[in-house]
Amino acid sequence: MRISIIIPTLNEALALPLLLRDLAGLGTSAEIIVCDGGSTDATCEIAVANGARFLQVSRGRAAQMRAGAQEARTDLFVFLHADTRVPPEALAAIAALAPGDIWGFWRPRLRGRSRWLPVVAFFMHWRSRLSHIATGDQGLFVGRSLYEAVEGFPEQPLMEDIAICTLLRARKAPLALPQILESSGRRWDSAGALRTIALMWRLRLRYRMGADPHILHGDYYGH
């Protein structure tokens, strides 16, 4: 094994089988670690049936990914959301990654009903290229040594992707790979694209101004 694929989950029985089916193409070159935050659906059974290692850990995406990295057996971590799809060209890019002092992300595509999703993905891509800050929808790969140097994902309930990218870019520029990872646009579809865009930009601005991630988490999830 050369790569550890770490997937945080919470009630992802519908999406997870599709991602695991994509990742099966990596064969024995990768271990798949599903880090679950307390699912009440069939997420556990699906992970185990597809040959993944299943960890039941504390809820919270950052905590779940930290737990997965702690249990990983390789020197290269790839963090993916459970609703991500990995097209063949992106799978080949993952397979070609070599452990080392590297980190980076992929180009995003959002699938869903809203006609705004291609626009969102376009700006997400160029924002990450220019700022060296990626979101979880773009995937994140990082070598063990670099991950441990920044002490992994900060233990916070929201903006964990922005937080770790900020730490990583201070040490080394990322690799922005051109292959596309496709993620679900379900939040944009359910809450409304323009409303979701505005909410995310407000949360990002407040985070940059020092707002408590716990408060932002409540505002994002409506509680």
C-alpha atoms as a PDB file:
ATOM      1  CA  MET A   1       0.000   0.000   0.000  1.00  0.00           C
ATOM      2  CA  ARG A   2       1.204   3.530  -0.862  1.00  0.00           C
ATOM      3  CA  ILE A   3      -1.870   5.652  -0.191  1.00  0.00           C
ATOM      4  CA  SER A   4      -4.440   5.961   2.582  1.00  0.00           C
ATOM      5  CA  ILE A   5      -7.860   7.239   1.454  1.00  0.00           C
ATOM      6  CA  ILE A   6      -9.636   8.758   4.464  1.00  0.00           C
ATOM      7  CA  ILE A   7     -13.390   9.355   4.223  1.00  0.00           C
ATOM      8  CA  PRO A   8     -15.410  10.989   7.034  1.00  0.00           C
ATOM      9  CA  THR A   9     -19.043   9.846   7.070  1.00  0.00           C
ATOM     10  CA  LEU A  10     -22.339  10.480   8.789  1.00  0.00           C
ATOM     11  CA  ASN A  11     -25.359   8.673   7.339  1.00  0.00           C
ATOM     12  CA  GLU A  12     -23.891   8.357   3.849  1.00  0.00           C
ATOM     13  CA  ALA A  13     -25.438   5.020   2.856  1.00  0.00           C
ATOM     14  CA  LEU A  14     -26.626   6.454  -0.462  1.00  0.00           C
ATOM     15  CA  ALA A  15     -23.437   8.193  -1.555  1.00  0.00           C
ATOM     16  CA  LEU A  16     -20.706   6.004  -0.071  1.00  0.00           C
ATOM     17  CA  PRO A  17     -21.184   2.927  -2.321  1.00  0.00           C
ATOM     18  CA  LEU A  18     -20.593   5.049  -5.422  1.00  0.00           C
ATOM     19  CA  LEU A  19     -17.336   6.474  -4.096  1.00  0.00           C
ATOM     20  CA  LEU A  20     -16.096   3.080  -2.923  1.00  0.00           C
ATOM     21  CA  ARG A  21     -16.905   1.628  -6.326  1.00  0.00           C
ATOM     22  CA  ASP A  22     -14.754   4.333  -7.931  1.00  0.00           C
ATOM     23  CA  LEU A  23     -11.881   3.729  -5.508  1.00  0.00           C
ATOM     24  CA  ALA A  24     -11.908  -0.027  -6.094  1.00  0.00           C
ATOM     25  CA  GLY A  25      -9.833   0.734  -9.184  1.00  0.00           C
ATOM     26  CA  LEU A  26      -6.869   1.536  -6.929  1.00  0.00           C
ATOM     27  CA  GLY A  27      -6.642  -2.123  -5.910  1.00  0.00           C
ATOM     28  CA  THR A  28      -4.016  -2.984  -3.320  1.00  0.00           C
ATOM     29  CA  SER A  29      -2.109   0.287  -3.789  1.00  0.00           C
ATOM     30  CA  ALA A  30      -4.446   2.010  -1.321  1.00  0.00           C
ATOM     31  CA  GLU A  31      -6.164   1.381   1.974  1.00  0.00           C
ATOM     32  CA  ILE A  32      -9.644   2.854   2.391  1.00  0.00           C
ATOM     33  CA  ILE A  33     -10.492   4.142   5.873  1.00  0.00           C
ATOM     34  CA  VAL A  34     -14.081   5.184   6.598  1.00  0.00           C
ATOM     35  CA  CYS A  35     -14.245   7.305   9.769  1.00  0.00           C
ATOM     36  CA  ASP A  36     -17.822   7.448  10.954  1.00  0.00           C
ATOM     37  CA  GLY A  37     -19.313   9.958  13.357  1.00  0.00           C
ATOM     38  CA  GLY A  38     -22.286   7.863  14.516  1.00  0.00           C
ATOM     39  CA  SER A  39     -24.347   6.894  11.475  1.00  0.00           C
ATOM     40  CA  THR A  40     -27.756   5.349  12.079  1.00  0.00           C
ATOM     41  CA  ASP A  41     -28.122   3.998   8.545  1.00  0.00           C
ATOM     42  CA  ALA A  42     -26.196   1.245   6.727  1.00  0.00           C
ATOM     43  CA  THR A  43     -22.948   3.216   6.304  1.00  0.00           C
ATOM     44  CA  CYS A  44     -20.988   0.751   8.460  1.00  0.00           C
ATOM     45  CA  GLU A  45     -22.215  -2.335   6.632  1.00  0.00           C
ATOM     46  CA  ILE A  46     -21.542  -0.751   3.237  1.00  0.00           C
ATOM     47  CA  ALA A  47     -17.984   0.219   4.184  1.00  0.00           C
ATOM     48  CA  VAL A  48     -17.128  -3.231   5.498  1.00  0.00           C
ATOM     49  CA  ALA A  49     -18.794  -5.028   2.565  1.00  0.00           C
ATOM     50  CA  ASN A  50     -16.617  -3.002   0.184  1.00  0.00           C
ATOM     51  CA  GLY A  51     -13.388  -3.868   1.972  1.00  0.00           C
ATOM     52  CA  ALA A  52     -12.847  -0.581   3.784  1.00  0.00           C
ATOM     53  CA  ARG A  53     -11.554  -0.254   7.313  1.00  0.00           C
ATOM     54  CA  PHE A  54     -14.361   1.176   9.440  1.00  0.00           C
ATOM     55  CA  LEU A  55     -13.662   3.375  12.457  1.00  0.00           C
ATOM     56  CA  GLN A  56     -16.366   4.572  14.842  1.00  0.00           C
ATOM     57  CA  VAL A  57     -15.056   7.870  16.201  1.00  0.00           C
ATOM     58  CA  SER A  58     -16.197  11.142  17.727  1.00  0.00           C
ATOM     59  CA  ARG A  59     -18.500  13.178  15.493  1.00  0.00           C
ATOM     60  CA  GLY A  60     -17.050  16.154  13.669  1.00  0.00           C
ATOM     61  CA  ARG A  61     -15.362  16.136  10.276  1.00  0.00           C
ATOM     62  CA  ALA A  62     -12.004  17.367  11.600  1.00  0.00           C
ATOM     63  CA  ALA A  63     -12.014  14.854  14.457  1.00  0.00           C
ATOM     64  CA  GLN A  64     -12.989  12.055  12.093  1.00  0.00           C
ATOM     65  CA  MET A  65     -10.213  12.854   9.621  1.00  0.00           C
ATOM     66  CA  ARG A  66      -7.680  13.187  12.430  1.00  0.00           C
ATOM     67  CA  ALA A  67      -8.687   9.734  13.654  1.00  0.00           C
ATOM     68  CA  GLY A  68      -8.326   8.290  10.171  1.00  0.00           C
ATOM     69  CA  ALA A  69      -4.856   9.772   9.712  1.00  0.00           C
ATOM     70  CA  GLN A  70      -3.813   8.418  13.095  1.00  0.00           C
ATOM     71  CA  GLU A  71      -4.797   4.904  12.022  1.00  0.00           C
ATOM     72  CA  ALA A  72      -3.361   5.161   8.496  1.00  0.00           C
ATOM     73  CA  ARG A  73      -0.537   2.787   7.586  1.00  0.00           C
ATOM     74  CA  THR A  74       0.990   4.711   4.673  1.00  0.00           C
ATOM     75  CA  ASP A  75       2.916   7.945   4.190  1.00  0.00           C
ATOM     76  CA  LEU A  76       0.429   9.667   1.911  1.00  0.00           C
ATOM     77  CA  PHE A  77      -3.086  10.685   2.926  1.00  0.00           C
ATOM     78  CA  VAL A  78      -5.963  11.533   0.583  1.00  0.00           C
ATOM     79  CA  PHE A  79      -9.039  13.039   2.264  1.00  0.00           C
ATOM     80  CA  LEU A  80     -12.317  12.746   0.338  1.00  0.00           C
ATOM     81  CA  HIS A  81     -15.908  13.611   1.175  1.00  0.00           C
ATOM     82  CA  ALA A  82     -18.282  10.661   1.020  1.00  0.00           C
ATOM     83  CA  ASP A  83     -20.401  12.279  -1.711  1.00  0.00           C
ATOM     84  CA  THR A  84     -17.396  12.675  -4.036  1.00  0.00           C
ATOM     85  CA  ARG A  85     -17.166  10.802  -7.340  1.00  0.00           C
ATOM     86  CA  VAL A  86     -13.750  10.038  -8.806  1.00  0.00           C
ATOM     87  CA  PRO A  87     -13.701   9.877 -12.638  1.00  0.00           C
ATOM     88  CA  PRO A  88     -11.120   7.570 -14.263  1.00  0.00           C
ATOM     89  CA  GLU A  89      -8.654  10.382 -14.994  1.00  0.00           C
ATOM     90  CA  ALA A  90      -8.758  11.550 -11.367  1.00  0.00           C
ATOM     91  CA  LEU A  91      -8.374   7.972 -10.172  1.00  0.00           C
ATOM     92  CA  ALA A  92      -5.256   7.675 -12.341  1.00  0.00           C
ATOM     93  CA  ALA A  93      -3.935  10.891 -10.788  1.00  0.00           C
ATOM     94  CA  ILE A  94      -4.471   9.467  -7.296  1.00  0.00           C
ATOM     95  CA  ALA A  95      -2.740   6.241  -8.283  1.00  0.00           C
ATOM     96  CA  ALA A  96       0.229   8.233  -9.600  1.00  0.00           C
ATOM     97  CA  LEU A  97       0.781  10.146  -6.361  1.00  0.00           C
ATOM     98  CA  ALA A  98       4.030   9.255  -4.628  1.00  0.00           C
ATOM     99  CA  PRO A  99       4.610   9.683  -0.888  1.00  0.00           C
ATOM    100  CA  GLY A 100       6.737  12.690  -0.099  1.00  0.00           C
ATOM    101  CA  ASP A 101       6.739  16.233   1.230  1.00  0.00           C
ATOM    102  CA  ILE A 102       3.745  17.271  -0.889  1.00  0.00           C
ATOM    103  CA  TRP A 103       0.188  18.511  -0.591  1.00  0.00           C
ATOM    104  CA  GLY A 104      -2.507  19.678  -2.951  1.00  0.00           C
ATOM    105  CA  PHE A 105      -6.009  19.320  -4.324  1.00  0.00           C
ATOM    106  CA  TRP A 106      -8.007  18.751  -7.508  1.00  0.00           C
ATOM    107  CA  ARG A 107     -10.310  20.760  -9.742  1.00  0.00           C
ATOM    108  CA  PRO A 108     -13.953  20.625  -8.562  1.00  0.00           C
ATOM    109  CA  ARG A 109     -17.172  19.909 -10.373  1.00  0.00           C
ATOM    110  CA  LEU A 110     -20.541  20.093  -8.615  1.00  0.00           C
ATOM    111  CA  ARG A 111     -23.424  17.901  -9.735  1.00  0.00           C
ATOM    112  CA  GLY A 112     -27.023  18.859  -9.102  1.00  0.00           C
ATOM    113  CA  ARG A 113     -30.032  20.690 -10.483  1.00  0.00           C
ATOM    114  CA  SER A 114     -29.001  24.317 -10.032  1.00  0.00           C
ATOM    115  CA  ARG A 115     -27.715  26.118 -13.114  1.00  0.00           C
ATOM    116  CA  TRP A 116     -25.390  28.050 -10.806  1.00  0.00           C
ATOM    117  CA  LEU A 117     -23.288  25.007  -9.904  1.00  0.00           C
ATOM    118  CA  PRO A 118     -20.829  25.333 -12.843  1.00  0.00           C
ATOM    119  CA  VAL A 119     -20.304  28.970 -11.860  1.00  0.00           C
ATOM    120  CA  VAL A 120     -19.701  28.009  -8.228  1.00  0.00           C
ATOM    121  CA  ALA A 121     -17.193  25.335  -9.267  1.00  0.00           C
ATOM    122  CA  PHE A 122     -15.390  27.746 -11.625  1.00  0.00           C
ATOM    123  CA  PHE A 123     -14.839  30.338  -8.920  1.00  0.00           C
ATOM    124  CA  MET A 124     -13.992  27.663  -6.352  1.00  0.00           C
ATOM    125  CA  HIS A 125     -11.253  26.394  -8.645  1.00  0.00           C
ATOM    126  CA  TRP A 126      -9.690  29.773  -9.344  1.00  0.00           C
ATOM    127  CA  ARG A 127     -10.006  30.940  -5.749  1.00  0.00           C
ATOM    128  CA  SER A 128      -8.038  27.891  -4.618  1.00  0.00           C
ATOM    129  CA  ARG A 129      -5.428  28.323  -7.367  1.00  0.00           C
ATOM    130  CA  LEU A 130      -4.817  31.937  -6.382  1.00  0.00           C
ATOM    131  CA  SER A 131      -5.158  31.673  -2.614  1.00  0.00           C
ATOM    132  CA  HIS A 132      -3.731  28.168  -2.087  1.00  0.00           C
ATOM    133  CA  ILE A 133      -6.793  27.467   0.061  1.00  0.00           C
ATOM    134  CA  ALA A 134      -8.983  24.538  -0.978  1.00  0.00           C
ATOM    135  CA  THR A 135     -12.286  23.205   0.313  1.00  0.00           C
ATOM    136  CA  GLY A 136     -13.198  19.604   1.067  1.00  0.00           C
ATOM    137  CA  ASP A 137     -15.140  19.348  -2.190  1.00  0.00           C
ATOM    138  CA  GLN A 138     -11.813  19.469  -4.038  1.00  0.00           C
ATOM    139  CA  GLY A 139     -10.211  16.630  -2.116  1.00  0.00           C
ATOM    140  CA  LEU A 140      -6.951  17.093  -0.245  1.00  0.00           C
ATOM    141  CA  PHE A 141      -3.755  15.041  -0.411  1.00  0.00           C
ATOM    142  CA  VAL A 142      -0.831  15.515   1.923  1.00  0.00           C
ATOM    143  CA  GLY A 143       2.289  13.560   2.803  1.00  0.00           C
ATOM    144  CA  ARG A 144       2.521  12.203   6.326  1.00  0.00           C
ATOM    145  CA  SER A 145       5.605  14.236   7.234  1.00  0.00           C
ATOM    146  CA  LEU A 146       4.005  17.503   6.174  1.00  0.00           C
ATOM    147  CA  TYR A 147       0.692  16.580   7.809  1.00  0.00           C
ATOM    148  CA  GLU A 148       2.434  15.839  11.083  1.00  0.00           C
ATOM    149  CA  ALA A 149       4.527  19.006  10.841  1.00  0.00           C
ATOM    150  CA  VAL A 150       1.326  21.114  10.981  1.00  0.00           C
ATOM    151  CA  GLU A 151      -0.198  18.725  13.565  1.00  0.00           C
ATOM    152  CA  GLY A 152      -3.044  17.694  11.279  1.00  0.00           C
ATOM    153  CA  PHE A 153      -6.504  19.201  11.088  1.00  0.00           C
ATOM    154  CA  PRO A 154      -7.179  21.716  13.851  1.00  0.00           C
ATOM    155  CA  GLU A 155      -9.815  20.442  16.253  1.00  0.00           C
ATOM    156  CA  GLN A 156     -12.642  22.751  15.247  1.00  0.00           C
ATOM    157  CA  PRO A 157     -16.192  22.021  14.046  1.00  0.00           C
ATOM    158  CA  LEU A 158     -16.130  24.077  10.827  1.00  0.00           C
ATOM    159  CA  MET A 159     -13.605  25.594   8.387  1.00  0.00           C
ATOM    160  CA  GLU A 160     -11.174  22.771   9.123  1.00  0.00           C
ATOM    161  CA  ASP A 161     -10.226  22.602   5.453  1.00  0.00           C
ATOM    162  CA  ILE A 162      -9.372  26.305   5.332  1.00  0.00           C
ATOM    163  CA  ALA A 163      -7.457  26.010   8.598  1.00  0.00           C
ATOM    164  CA  ILE A 164      -5.192  23.158   7.502  1.00  0.00           C
ATOM    165  CA  CYS A 165      -4.574  24.695   4.056  1.00  0.00           C
ATOM    166  CA  THR A 166      -3.487  27.910   5.766  1.00  0.00           C
ATOM    167  CA  LEU A 167      -0.970  25.946   7.824  1.00  0.00           C
ATOM    168  CA  LEU A 168       0.247  23.913   4.865  1.00  0.00           C
ATOM    169  CA  ARG A 169       0.702  26.830   2.457  1.00  0.00           C
ATOM    170  CA  ALA A 170       2.926  28.569   5.017  1.00  0.00           C
ATOM    171  CA  ARG A 171       5.368  25.672   4.568  1.00  0.00           C
ATOM    172  CA  LYS A 172       5.025  24.781   0.911  1.00  0.00           C
ATOM    173  CA  ALA A 173       3.046  25.705  -2.195  1.00  0.00           C
ATOM    174  CA  PRO A 174       0.365  23.158  -3.136  1.00  0.00           C
ATOM    175  CA  LEU A 175       0.013  21.085  -6.272  1.00  0.00           C
ATOM    176  CA  ALA A 176      -3.235  22.077  -8.011  1.00  0.00           C
ATOM    177  CA  LEU A 177      -3.968  19.021 -10.131  1.00  0.00           C
ATOM    178  CA  PRO A 178      -6.074  19.527 -13.278  1.00  0.00           C
ATOM    179  CA  GLN A 179      -8.159  16.366 -13.032  1.00  0.00           C
ATOM    180  CA  ILE A 180     -11.741  16.797 -11.869  1.00  0.00           C
ATOM    181  CA  LEU A 181     -13.311  15.499  -8.677  1.00  0.00           C
ATOM    182  CA  GLU A 182     -17.082  15.612  -8.751  1.00  0.00           C
ATOM    183  CA  SER A 183     -18.970  16.427  -5.555  1.00  0.00           C
ATOM    184  CA  SER A 184     -22.635  16.720  -4.726  1.00  0.00           C
ATOM    185  CA  GLY A 185     -24.324  20.088  -5.010  1.00  0.00           C
ATOM    186  CA  ARG A 186     -27.115  18.907  -2.715  1.00  0.00           C
ATOM    187  CA  ARG A 187     -26.769  21.799  -0.291  1.00  0.00           C
ATOM    188  CA  TRP A 188     -26.996  24.345  -3.095  1.00  0.00           C
ATOM    189  CA  ASP A 189     -30.016  22.522  -4.492  1.00  0.00           C
ATOM    190  CA  SER A 190     -31.846  22.187  -1.177  1.00  0.00           C
ATOM    191  CA  ALA A 191     -31.136  25.616   0.312  1.00  0.00           C
ATOM    192  CA  GLY A 192     -30.953  27.585  -2.940  1.00  0.00           C
ATOM    193  CA  ALA A 193     -27.767  28.344  -4.823  1.00  0.00           C
ATOM    194  CA  LEU A 194     -27.587  32.118  -4.344  1.00  0.00           C
ATOM    195  CA  ARG A 195     -28.594  31.862  -0.705  1.00  0.00           C
ATOM    196  CA  THR A 196     -25.932  29.203  -0.067  1.00  0.00           C
ATOM    197  CA  ILE A 197     -23.247  31.191  -1.882  1.00  0.00           C
ATOM    198  CA  ALA A 198     -24.040  34.267   0.202  1.00  0.00           C
ATOM    199  CA  LEU A 199     -24.048  32.227   3.424  1.00  0.00           C
ATOM    200  CA  MET A 200     -20.678  30.649   2.697  1.00  0.00           C
ATOM    201  CA  TRP A 201     -19.041  33.950   1.838  1.00  0.00           C
ATOM    202  CA  ARG A 202     -20.400  35.499   5.054  1.00  0.00           C
ATOM    203  CA  LEU A 203     -19.084  32.596   7.104  1.00  0.00           C
ATOM    204  CA  ARG A 204     -15.682  32.771   5.424  1.00  0.00           C
ATOM    205  CA  LEU A 205     -15.438  36.511   6.055  1.00  0.00           C
ATOM    206  CA  ARG A 206     -16.413  36.108   9.693  1.00  0.00           C
ATOM    207  CA  TYR A 207     -13.876  33.297  10.081  1.00  0.00           C
ATOM    208  CA  ARG A 208     -11.112  35.468   8.636  1.00  0.00           C
ATOM    209  CA  MET A 209     -12.115  38.179  11.100  1.00  0.00           C
ATOM    210  CA  GLY A 210     -11.674  35.758  14.002  1.00  0.00           C
ATOM    211  CA  ALA A 211     -15.175  34.413  14.634  1.00  0.00           C
ATOM    212  CA  ASP A 212     -15.423  31.273  16.777  1.00  0.00           C
ATOM    213  CA  PRO A 213     -15.823  28.188  14.517  1.00  0.00           C
ATOM    214  CA  HIS A 214     -18.333  26.766  17.013  1.00  0.00           C
ATOM    215  CA  ILE A 215     -20.626  29.754  16.458  1.00  0.00           C
ATOM    216  CA  LEU A 216     -20.116  29.536  12.690  1.00  0.00           C
ATOM    217  CA  HIS A 217     -21.003  25.841  12.813  1.00  0.00           C
ATOM    218  CA  GLY A 218     -24.328  26.672  14.439  1.00  0.00           C
ATOM    219  CA  ASP A 219     -25.060  29.335  11.856  1.00  0.00           C
ATOM    220  CA  TYR A 220     -24.152  27.008   8.970  1.00  0.00           C
ATOM    221  CA  TYR A 221     -26.280  24.105  10.156  1.00  0.00           C
ATOM    222  CA  GLY A 222     -29.071  26.240  11.579  1.00  0.00           C
ATOM    223  CA  HIS A 223     -28.750  25.496  15.274  1.00  0.00           C
END
